[in-house]
Structures are given as structure tokens and as C-alpha cells.
Amino acid sequence: MIPMPKEDSPIWKDSELLECVQCIPEAPDVVSFVFRPPSGSRFLYKAGQFVTLDLPVPGGNIQRTYTISSNPAATAYITVTVKAQKQSVATRWMLDHLKPGMRLKVFGPTGLFHLPPQPDDKYLFISAGSGVTPMMSMAAFLWERGEDPDITFISAARRPSELIFRRKLEHMARRVQGITLNLAG
């Protein structure tokens, strides 16, 4: 269990390494990696933003950006969900080598693709494959606010087994009237 930061805890700064605390399989070649700051600092970001991970791959470190897939209301941790492609170096390294207890340099969060400061009344989220990650963060944030969101969520994958976050989305949709799912795989 990840301890919750205190309300007066400082905001995490990217000068502090992040510790991987969980690796959650999501679909074939897709894993969610959960990170927390060892200091207990809290995260402040907008649903849809991304971070850049500095990965120690063979031959030298490389930096790759990944959208934060977790809900920004949970300030104790961030999650990035990654899918390894055939020619992937960085993401393949993560799936094969990144384990709980390891620490990485992470930059950010940043990015302009996020929910507006004043959320709208209706949302249409369209994604395919790992492009679902910012939409998941946004949908989870809207759902977590305790209001009945008006979200139509369309997500596609090659096969049903490759639909990332299917169970989480179905869980949310079963509990509120305002989430309509159209999942194709």
C-alpha cells in the first residue's frame, strides 16, 4: 500500500528520483508502472499531462515521454502505462528490467493536452491502443469527483485482449449513469 502524503507535504520536484513501487500487467506487452517519491512529497499535475523518464538502457541512458495514466486526485503516486512495440528499446527495457524498488530520474509533468481548468459538461474521448492513457486519466478524474459525468468513451484495439483499461472502464461505467463505453477489439 502506498502511504498518502500529508496535505502540507511539499510538491514533488523532478530533482528527486522516483521509486517504482508496482508493475501491473494490463494487456499483452502493456504494463502500468507506479512511481512514488521516497520523500513523501505529493504530485501536482493535470489529467492528460506526461512525464519524461530517463532510462538506463544498454549503451547509455535515453529519455522517453509517457502520459500519466493515473488520476491526479491521488497525489501520492503517478502511474505510466506503456506498450512495447517490436522495435522498442526504452519501453522493452522497462517491461524486461524495471522492478519495484528501482529509482529513476523523471522530468515533468508537462503538456498542454489536459482537461480545462473549468471542466465541460460533456466529453467525447476517442483512443486506440496505448493512446488511451490520457483519456483514462481524464475519465478517472471526472469520475472520482463524485459527480455523474457525461462521458462517451470510445477505445479500439486489434483484439479484445489488447483493450487497455477495459476492466477499469467497465467498473467506472457500472457505478454511474453518465459513462457510455464503446470498446472495439
Protein backbone atom coordinates (compact mmCIF):
# COMPACT_ATOMS: atom_id res chain seq x y z
CA MET A 1 0.00 0.00 0.00
CA ILE A 2 1.25 3.46 -0.92
CA PRO A 3 1.13 5.88 2.04
CA MET A 4 -0.84 9.05 1.40
CA PRO A 5 1.14 12.30 1.65
CA LYS A 6 0.05 14.87 4.21
CA GLU A 7 -1.80 17.92 2.92
CA ASP A 8 1.14 20.09 3.91
CA SER A 9 3.67 17.81 2.19
CA PRO A 10 5.79 19.60 -0.38
CA ILE A 11 5.04 19.22 -4.08
CA TRP A 12 7.37 16.75 -5.83
CA LYS A 13 10.13 18.39 -7.86
CA ASP A 14 11.87 16.49 -10.64
CA SER A 15 15.19 16.89 -8.84
CA GLU A 16 14.10 13.88 -6.71
CA LEU A 17 14.34 10.37 -8.18
CA LEU A 18 11.11 8.38 -8.26
CA GLU A 19 10.85 4.84 -6.95
CA CYS A 20 8.95 2.18 -8.86
CA VAL A 21 6.56 0.59 -6.35
CA GLN A 22 4.32 -1.57 -8.58
CA CYS A 23 4.30 -3.16 -12.03
CA ILE A 24 0.76 -4.04 -13.15
CA PRO A 25 0.18 -6.11 -16.32
CA GLU A 26 -2.64 -4.56 -18.36
CA ALA A 27 -2.61 -6.41 -21.73
CA PRO A 28 -0.05 -8.23 -23.91
CA ASP A 29 3.19 -6.18 -23.82
CA VAL A 30 1.43 -3.48 -21.75
CA VAL A 31 2.37 -2.69 -18.14
CA SER A 32 1.42 0.11 -15.75
CA PHE A 33 4.36 1.29 -13.64
CA VAL A 34 3.52 3.07 -10.40
CA PHE A 35 6.06 5.57 -9.03
CA ARG A 36 6.27 7.48 -5.77
CA PRO A 37 8.74 9.97 -4.34
CA PRO A 38 10.70 8.43 -1.44
CA SER A 39 10.45 11.75 0.45
CA GLY A 40 6.67 11.51 0.66
CA SER A 41 6.18 14.61 -1.47
CA ARG A 42 2.90 14.83 -3.34
CA PHE A 43 2.28 15.14 -7.06
CA LEU A 44 0.56 18.06 -8.71
CA TYR A 45 -0.42 17.60 -12.36
CA LYS A 46 -3.35 17.85 -14.73
CA ALA A 47 -5.17 14.84 -16.17
CA GLY A 48 -3.61 14.21 -19.59
CA GLN A 49 -0.10 15.52 -18.91
CA PHE A 50 3.08 13.48 -19.41
CA VAL A 51 6.47 12.88 -17.78
CA THR A 52 9.86 12.09 -19.32
CA LEU A 53 11.70 9.06 -17.94
CA ASP A 54 15.48 8.80 -18.07
CA LEU A 55 16.02 5.09 -18.74
CA PRO A 56 19.36 3.25 -18.25
CA VAL A 57 19.27 1.08 -21.35
CA PRO A 58 22.36 -0.79 -22.64
CA GLY A 59 24.59 1.63 -24.48
CA GLY A 60 23.60 4.65 -22.37
CA ASN A 61 20.60 6.42 -20.92
CA ILE A 62 17.78 7.54 -23.20
CA GLN A 63 14.80 9.72 -22.40
CA ARG A 64 11.23 8.86 -23.40
CA THR A 65 7.95 10.59 -22.67
CA TYR A 66 4.93 8.74 -21.30
CA THR A 67 1.49 10.06 -20.46
CA ILE A 68 0.48 9.82 -16.82
CA SER A 69 -2.42 7.37 -16.75
CA SER A 70 -3.33 7.78 -13.08
CA ASN A 71 -5.91 10.12 -11.60
CA PRO A 72 -4.42 13.44 -10.39
CA ALA A 73 -6.72 13.34 -7.35
CA ALA A 74 -4.40 10.60 -5.99
CA THR A 75 -1.39 12.74 -5.07
CA ALA A 76 0.80 10.01 -3.51
CA TYR A 77 1.87 8.43 -6.79
CA ILE A 78 1.85 8.62 -10.57
CA THR A 79 1.34 5.78 -13.00
CA VAL A 80 2.57 5.50 -16.55
CA THR A 81 1.18 2.76 -18.75
CA VAL A 82 3.47 1.66 -21.55
CA LYS A 83 3.18 -0.61 -24.56
CA ALA A 84 6.28 -2.16 -26.11
CA GLN A 85 6.38 -2.18 -29.91
CA LYS A 86 8.55 -4.60 -31.91
CA GLN A 87 11.45 -2.16 -32.37
CA SER A 88 11.10 -0.55 -28.94
CA VAL A 89 14.26 -0.08 -26.93
CA ALA A 90 13.15 2.03 -23.96
CA THR A 91 9.74 0.51 -23.35
CA ARG A 92 11.07 -3.03 -23.87
CA TRP A 93 13.75 -2.27 -21.26
CA MET A 94 11.01 -1.16 -18.85
CA LEU A 95 8.97 -4.34 -19.35
CA ASP A 96 12.02 -6.59 -19.02
CA HIS A 97 14.01 -4.82 -16.28
CA LEU A 98 12.10 -2.16 -14.31
CA LYS A 99 11.07 -3.65 -10.95
CA PRO A 100 9.74 -2.33 -7.63
CA GLY A 101 12.50 -0.70 -5.61
CA MET A 102 14.33 0.73 -8.63
CA ARG A 103 14.67 4.51 -8.86
CA LEU A 104 14.65 6.64 -11.99
CA LYS A 105 15.19 10.26 -12.91
CA VAL A 106 11.86 11.66 -14.12
CA PHE A 107 11.20 15.12 -15.59
CA GLY A 108 7.90 16.96 -15.62
CA PRO A 109 4.97 16.76 -15.50
CA THR A 110 4.22 18.87 -18.53
CA GLY A 111 1.99 19.05 -21.59
CA LEU A 112 -0.88 21.16 -22.87
CA PHE A 113 -3.28 18.28 -23.66
CA HIS A 114 -5.29 18.11 -20.44
CA LEU A 115 -8.71 18.84 -19.02
CA PRO A 116 -9.63 22.53 -19.00
CA PRO A 117 -9.45 24.36 -15.63
CA GLN A 118 -13.26 24.53 -15.61
CA PRO A 119 -14.46 21.08 -16.76
CA ASP A 120 -17.08 20.96 -19.51
CA ASP A 121 -20.49 19.31 -19.28
CA LYS A 122 -19.93 16.62 -21.93
CA TYR A 123 -16.88 14.69 -23.05
CA LEU A 124 -16.08 12.52 -26.03
CA PHE A 125 -12.87 10.51 -25.56
CA ILE A 126 -11.59 8.63 -28.63
CA SER A 127 -8.47 6.48 -28.47
CA ALA A 128 -6.73 3.42 -29.85
CA GLY A 129 -4.09 1.23 -28.26
CA SER A 130 -1.87 2.97 -25.74
CA GLY A 131 -3.38 6.30 -26.80
CA VAL A 132 -5.98 5.54 -24.14
CA THR A 133 -3.66 6.69 -21.33
CA PRO A 134 -4.52 10.42 -21.22
CA MET A 135 -8.22 9.61 -21.68
CA MET A 136 -8.08 7.19 -18.73
CA SER A 137 -6.52 9.85 -16.51
CA MET A 138 -9.20 12.36 -17.54
CA ALA A 139 -12.12 9.94 -17.17
CA ALA A 140 -10.91 8.71 -13.77
CA PHE A 141 -10.51 12.28 -12.55
CA LEU A 142 -14.03 13.24 -13.66
CA TRP A 143 -15.46 10.04 -12.17
CA GLU A 144 -13.59 10.49 -8.89
CA ARG A 145 -15.04 13.97 -8.36
CA GLY A 146 -18.24 12.28 -7.23
CA GLU A 147 -20.42 13.89 -9.85
CA ASP A 148 -22.25 11.98 -12.58
CA PRO A 149 -20.03 12.75 -15.58
CA ASP A 150 -21.35 12.78 -19.13
CA ILE A 151 -18.62 10.83 -20.95
CA THR A 152 -18.74 8.83 -24.16
CA PHE A 153 -15.56 6.77 -24.24
CA ILE A 154 -14.52 5.10 -27.49
CA SER A 155 -11.45 2.89 -27.46
CA ALA A 156 -10.19 0.42 -30.05
CA ALA A 157 -7.55 -2.30 -30.23
CA ARG A 158 -6.70 -5.10 -32.66
CA ARG A 159 -8.14 -7.77 -30.34
CA PRO A 160 -10.35 -7.68 -27.23
CA SER A 161 -7.42 -8.91 -25.10
CA GLU A 162 -5.46 -5.79 -26.15
CA LEU A 163 -8.02 -3.26 -24.87
CA ILE A 164 -6.06 -1.38 -22.22
CA PHE A 165 -8.02 -0.46 -19.06
CA ARG A 166 -11.12 -2.39 -20.15
CA ARG A 167 -11.87 -3.64 -16.62
CA LYS A 168 -11.28 -0.23 -15.02
CA LEU A 169 -13.53 1.49 -17.54
CA GLU A 170 -16.27 -1.11 -17.14
CA HIS A 171 -16.00 -0.77 -13.35
CA MET A 172 -16.50 3.00 -13.57
CA ALA A 173 -19.35 2.72 -16.10
CA ARG A 174 -21.23 0.23 -13.89
CA ARG A 175 -21.23 2.66 -11.00
CA VAL A 176 -22.51 5.82 -12.68
CA GLN A 177 -25.10 6.51 -15.35
CA GLY A 178 -23.03 9.07 -17.25
CA ILE A 179 -20.27 6.91 -18.76
CA THR A 180 -21.06 5.25 -22.08
CA LEU A 181 -18.42 2.82 -23.35
CA ASN A 182 -17.83 1.79 -26.95
CA LEU A 183 -14.93 -0.65 -26.83
CA ALA A 184 -13.89 -2.38 -30.03
CA GLY A 185 -11.31 -5.07 -30.34
